[in-house]
Protein backbone atom coordinates (compact mmCIF):
# COMPACT_ATOMS: atom_id res chain seq x y z
CA MET A 1 0.00 0.00 0.00
CA ARG A 2 1.38 3.38 -0.98
CA SER A 3 1.42 6.14 1.60
CA ARG A 4 -0.04 9.49 0.73
CA ARG A 5 2.27 12.46 0.60
CA ARG A 6 1.32 15.26 2.96
CA LYS A 7 0.50 18.57 1.35
CA ILE A 8 2.35 21.72 2.28
CA GLY A 9 0.66 25.09 2.86
CA PHE A 10 1.15 26.47 -0.62
CA GLU A 11 -0.47 23.41 -2.17
CA TYR A 12 -3.59 24.16 -0.16
CA LEU A 13 -3.51 27.76 -1.41
CA ILE A 14 -3.23 26.63 -5.02
CA GLU A 15 -6.36 24.50 -4.58
CA MET A 16 -8.29 27.44 -3.07
CA PRO A 17 -9.74 30.32 -5.10
CA TRP A 18 -7.16 32.80 -6.40
CA TRP A 19 -8.56 35.72 -4.44
CA ILE A 20 -7.59 34.10 -1.12
CA SER A 21 -3.91 34.13 -2.13
CA LEU A 22 -4.26 37.68 -3.39
CA GLY A 23 -5.81 38.77 -0.10
CA LEU A 24 -3.02 37.09 1.86
CA ALA A 25 -0.43 38.82 -0.35
CA ILE A 26 -2.00 42.20 0.42
CA ILE A 27 -2.17 41.47 4.16
CA VAL A 28 1.45 40.29 4.27
CA ASP A 29 2.65 43.30 2.28
CA ILE A 30 0.83 45.82 4.46
CA SER A 31 1.95 44.05 7.64
CA LEU A 32 5.61 43.82 6.71
CA LEU A 33 5.91 47.29 5.18
CA TRP A 34 3.83 49.41 7.58
CA VAL A 35 2.34 47.65 10.61
CA ILE A 36 5.40 45.82 11.97
CA PRO A 37 7.86 48.71 11.41
CA ASN A 38 5.50 51.18 13.13
CA LYS A 39 4.73 48.79 15.99
CA PHE A 40 8.36 47.95 16.81
CA SER A 41 10.09 51.22 15.90
CA THR A 42 10.44 52.11 19.59
CA SER A 43 12.34 48.90 20.43
CA SER A 44 16.10 49.44 20.18
CA ILE A 45 16.73 45.73 19.63
CA LEU A 46 14.13 45.21 16.89
CA ASN A 47 14.78 48.60 15.28
CA GLY A 48 17.85 47.13 13.57
CA LEU A 49 15.77 44.31 12.06
CA ILE A 50 13.14 46.56 10.51
CA PRO A 51 15.10 47.24 7.27
CA THR A 52 15.58 43.48 6.85
CA ILE A 53 11.90 42.78 7.44
CA THR A 54 10.76 45.44 4.98
CA GLY A 55 13.31 44.26 2.42
CA PHE A 56 12.01 40.71 2.73
CA ALA A 57 8.37 41.75 2.18
CA TRP A 58 8.53 41.42 -1.60
CA VAL A 59 9.60 37.76 -1.32
CA LEU A 60 6.59 36.69 0.74
CA THR A 61 4.23 38.87 -1.27
CA GLY A 62 5.62 37.34 -4.45
CA LEU A 63 5.08 33.82 -3.13
CA PHE A 64 1.42 34.53 -2.42
CA LEU A 65 0.97 36.20 -5.81
CA PHE A 66 2.60 33.19 -7.44
CA THR A 67 0.13 30.86 -5.72
CA ALA A 68 -2.72 33.08 -6.95
CA ILE A 69 -1.44 32.77 -10.53
CA CYS A 70 -1.03 29.00 -10.13
CA SER A 71 -4.55 28.77 -8.73
CA VAL A 72 -5.99 30.60 -11.76
CA TYR A 73 -3.97 28.39 -14.10
CA MET A 74 -4.99 25.16 -12.37
CA ARG A 75 -8.67 26.13 -12.44
CA ASP A 76 -8.37 26.96 -16.15
CA VAL A 77 -6.66 23.65 -16.89
CA ASP A 78 -9.30 21.73 -14.90
CA LYS A 79 -12.11 23.56 -16.71
CA ASN A 80 -10.59 22.82 -20.13
CA ASP A 81 -10.10 19.15 -19.25
CA TRP A 82 -13.74 18.94 -18.21
CA ASN A 83 -14.97 20.53 -21.45
CA ASP A 84 -12.77 18.33 -23.65
CA SER A 85 -14.19 15.05 -22.32
């Protein structure tokens, strides 16, 4: 008997509607660019990490946007397969 491979988080996002990934991308972008830097700007320890966090925002936002694009593509492929049969 073959064991099933466990899905990772981004595989779940690809199976969900595209707008969920887009919403998460917006939330992550706003959080990493404005909310977290404003919240922790008074901390002397975390103040040095803020440029790193804001510089890393595009990577996480890009990942969520990529999952949104994959979700649209997968839905389009599934719809075309259904119509061809």
